[in-house]
Protein backbone atom coordinates (compact mmCIF):
# COMPACT_ATOMS: atom_id res chain seq x y z
CA UNK A 1 4.42 18.66 4.95
CA UNK A 2 5.99 15.22 3.31
CA UNK A 3 4.07 12.28 2.61
CA UNK A 4 5.41 8.82 1.41
CA UNK A 5 3.50 6.24 -0.07
CA UNK A 6 5.10 2.89 -0.37
CA UNK A 7 3.70 0.02 -2.46
CA UNK A 8 4.17 -3.39 -3.34
CA UNK A 9 2.65 -4.45 -6.45
CA UNK A 10 2.33 -7.50 -8.44
CA UNK A 11 0.48 -6.88 -11.76
CA UNK A 12 0.86 -3.02 -11.14
CA UNK A 13 -2.80 -2.38 -10.15
CA UNK A 14 -1.64 -1.38 -6.16
CA UNK A 15 0.84 1.02 -7.92
CA UNK A 16 -2.00 2.68 -9.77
CA UNK A 17 -3.64 3.06 -6.55
CA UNK A 18 -0.72 4.40 -4.64
CA UNK A 19 -0.22 6.90 -7.28
CA UNK A 20 -3.78 8.04 -7.19
CA UNK A 21 -3.68 8.34 -2.95
CA UNK A 22 -0.37 10.22 -3.64
CA UNK A 23 -2.61 12.61 -6.13
CA UNK A 24 -4.87 13.00 -3.21
CA UNK A 25 -2.08 13.66 -0.75
CA UNK A 26 -0.63 16.39 -2.96
CA UNK A 27 -3.41 18.82 -2.09
CA UNK A 28 -1.65 19.65 1.13
CA UNK A 29 1.52 17.56 0.86
CA UNK A 30 4.84 17.00 -1.16
CA UNK A 31 4.55 13.51 -2.33
CA UNK A 32 6.90 10.70 -3.03
CA UNK A 33 5.36 7.41 -4.18
CA UNK A 34 7.99 4.59 -4.34
CA UNK A 35 7.97 0.90 -4.61
CA UNK A 36 8.96 -1.17 -1.32
CA UNK A 37 12.12 -1.94 -2.65
CA UNK A 38 13.12 1.88 -2.48
CA UNK A 39 11.41 2.68 0.77
CA UNK A 40 14.80 3.03 2.81
CA UNK A 41 15.28 4.24 6.45
CA UNK A 42 16.03 7.93 5.55
CA UNK A 43 12.90 8.17 3.50
CA UNK A 44 10.53 7.00 6.22
CA UNK A 45 12.22 9.05 8.56
CA UNK A 46 11.83 12.18 6.60
CA UNK A 47 8.17 11.95 6.34
CA UNK A 48 5.24 13.42 8.14
CA UNK A 49 2.80 10.66 6.89
CA UNK A 50 3.81 7.23 5.41
CA UNK A 51 0.83 5.35 3.73
CA UNK A 52 1.96 1.84 3.02
CA UNK A 53 -0.15 -1.00 0.89
CA UNK A 54 0.01 -3.86 -0.83
CA UNK A 55 -1.91 -6.93 -2.55
CA UNK A 56 -4.14 -9.25 -0.55
CA UNK A 57 -2.81 -12.60 -1.11
CA UNK A 58 -4.25 -15.64 0.91
CA UNK A 59 -6.14 -13.40 3.37
CA UNK A 60 -2.96 -11.02 4.23
CA UNK A 61 0.31 -9.63 2.80
CA UNK A 62 2.06 -11.41 0.06
CA UNK A 63 4.57 -14.16 0.85
CA UNK A 64 7.29 -15.24 -1.21
CA UNK A 65 5.37 -18.40 -2.21
CA UNK A 66 2.28 -16.27 -2.98
CA UNK A 67 4.36 -13.72 -5.13
CA UNK A 68 5.68 -16.81 -7.00
CA UNK A 69 2.16 -18.07 -7.53
CA UNK A 70 1.14 -14.45 -8.99
CA UNK A 71 4.01 -14.67 -11.42
CA UNK A 72 3.23 -18.28 -12.42
CA UNK A 73 -0.34 -16.82 -13.38
CA UNK A 74 1.10 -13.90 -15.39
CA UNK A 75 3.40 -16.53 -17.20
CA UNK A 76 0.50 -18.90 -18.21
CA UNK A 77 -0.22 -19.24 -21.91
CA UNK A 78 -3.14 -16.65 -22.70
CA UNK A 79 -3.01 -15.08 -19.55
CA UNK A 80 -3.50 -11.10 -19.83
CA UNK A 81 -1.73 -10.05 -16.77
CA UNK A 82 1.58 -8.46 -16.98
CA UNK A 83 4.23 -8.56 -14.20
CA UNK A 84 5.10 -5.16 -12.66
CA UNK A 85 8.73 -4.42 -13.30
CA UNK A 86 9.36 -4.40 -9.11
CA UNK A 87 7.10 -7.62 -8.78
CA UNK A 88 10.46 -9.50 -7.74
CA UNK A 89 11.55 -6.97 -5.27
CA UNK A 90 11.00 -8.29 -1.68
CA UNK A 91 7.78 -7.78 -0.28
CA UNK A 92 6.08 -5.66 2.60
CA UNK A 93 6.77 -8.49 5.06
CA UNK A 94 10.53 -8.69 4.46
CA UNK A 95 10.43 -4.69 4.39
CA UNK A 96 8.78 -4.64 7.78
CA UNK A 97 11.26 -7.18 9.22
CA UNK A 98 14.04 -4.87 7.88
CA UNK A 99 12.64 -1.64 9.07
CA UNK A 100 13.49 0.34 12.23
CA UNK A 101 10.83 2.15 14.29
CA UNK A 102 8.33 4.49 12.59
CA UNK A 103 7.73 7.29 14.43
CA UNK A 104 5.43 9.04 12.27
CA UNK A 105 1.66 9.53 11.36
CA UNK A 106 0.74 6.56 9.10
CA UNK A 107 -2.13 4.86 7.08
CA UNK A 108 -2.56 1.44 5.58
CA UNK A 109 -4.31 0.05 2.31
CA UNK A 110 -4.66 -3.15 0.28
CA UNK A 111 -5.93 -4.36 -3.09
CA UNK A 112 -8.19 -7.28 -3.01
CA UNK A 113 -10.89 -9.21 -4.68
CA UNK A 114 -14.29 -7.46 -4.46
CA UNK A 115 -15.96 -9.94 -1.67
CA UNK A 116 -16.56 -9.79 1.64
CA UNK A 117 -13.38 -9.42 3.69
CA UNK A 118 -14.36 -12.71 5.57
CA UNK A 119 -13.71 -14.44 2.23
CA UNK A 120 -10.41 -12.56 0.96
CA UNK A 121 -9.06 -11.30 3.86
CA UNK A 122 -7.29 -7.94 4.17
CA UNK A 123 -3.57 -7.09 3.60
CA UNK A 124 -4.52 -3.94 4.93
CA UNK A 125 -5.38 -4.82 8.56
CA UNK A 126 -1.90 -6.78 9.02
CA UNK A 127 -0.12 -3.74 7.38
CA UNK A 128 -1.82 -1.41 9.97
CA UNK A 129 -0.69 -3.63 12.75
CA UNK A 130 2.70 -3.96 11.81
CA UNK A 131 2.70 0.21 11.39
CA UNK A 132 1.75 0.40 15.10
CA UNK A 133 3.84 -2.42 16.12
CA UNK A 134 6.85 -0.40 14.50
CA UNK A 135 5.61 3.14 16.47
CA UNK A 136 3.38 4.87 13.81
CA UNK A 137 0.10 6.60 14.88
CA UNK A 138 -2.73 5.61 12.58
CA UNK A 139 -4.49 8.54 11.27
CA UNK A 140 -7.33 6.63 9.38
CA UNK A 141 -8.82 3.02 9.16
CA UNK A 142 -7.27 0.60 6.91
CA UNK A 143 -8.83 0.91 3.48
CA UNK A 144 -9.28 -1.91 0.70
CA UNK A 145 -9.30 -1.06 -3.30
CA UNK A 146 -11.08 -3.86 -5.40
CA UNK A 147 -9.91 -5.93 -8.55
CA UNK A 148 -12.35 -7.70 -10.11
CA UNK A 149 -12.41 -11.75 -10.58
CA UNK A 150 -9.91 -11.15 -13.65
CA UNK A 151 -7.37 -9.40 -11.31
CA UNK A 152 -7.79 -6.05 -12.91
CA UNK A 153 -9.10 -2.82 -11.10
CA UNK A 154 -12.75 -2.69 -10.78
CA UNK A 155 -14.20 0.61 -12.12
CA UNK A 156 -13.64 3.84 -9.82
CA UNK A 157 -11.10 2.49 -7.62
CA UNK A 158 -8.40 5.23 -8.80
CA UNK A 159 -11.12 7.91 -8.18
CA UNK A 160 -11.86 6.31 -4.54
CA UNK A 161 -7.98 6.43 -4.12
CA UNK A 162 -7.64 9.82 -4.78
CA UNK A 163 -10.57 10.77 -2.67
CA UNK A 164 -9.15 8.92 0.26
CA UNK A 165 -5.79 10.40 -0.10
CA UNK A 166 -7.44 13.68 0.28
CA UNK A 167 -9.24 12.68 3.07
CA UNK A 168 -5.75 11.37 4.57
CA UNK A 169 -4.42 15.11 3.69
CA UNK A 170 -7.44 16.59 5.65
CA UNK A 171 -6.76 14.16 8.59
CA UNK A 172 -3.14 15.51 8.78
CA UNK A 173 -4.23 19.49 8.82
CA UNK A 174 -3.16 20.63 12.26
CA UNK A 175 -1.62 17.21 13.58
CA UNK A 176 2.36 17.59 14.22
CA UNK A 177 4.51 15.04 13.08
CA UNK A 178 4.93 12.40 15.44
CA UNK A 179 8.36 12.54 17.22
CA UNK A 180 10.61 10.06 19.07
């Protein structure tokens, strides 16, 4: 079985979560973890499951202006945030606008502040909606992983992500690949 974990990350935290999810999935699958800019159609078509995630910006998936604001925050004097190497790549919104149908099993995740979703929003809900719209079959409810107010991962989030990845792997056992 092949699993592809696709992520968008500004400061590297969503990337860390994506890698941890991949580690959990690796219990039963061959896993590829890639930034959204490297997620081409062939890679997606080859997957038995696609897991897609990104940061929550202004209640949902990032936009060009929210990615610029994140870059500006990292550039402020005294900021201890560092932009991820792929932070300038197109985001998930642009990827979904360019991708064909995704006839496979899928799951969605996000990173967001550790506050109620009514306050922060959840990019994972929009990601899940886009995955369904593109023909994917969701195998789990959207999941959130938390960052602290200083925009660093909250404790134990990578452990939670590994466990969630392992749960996804268990959910896939016995499920056939969705076909067109």
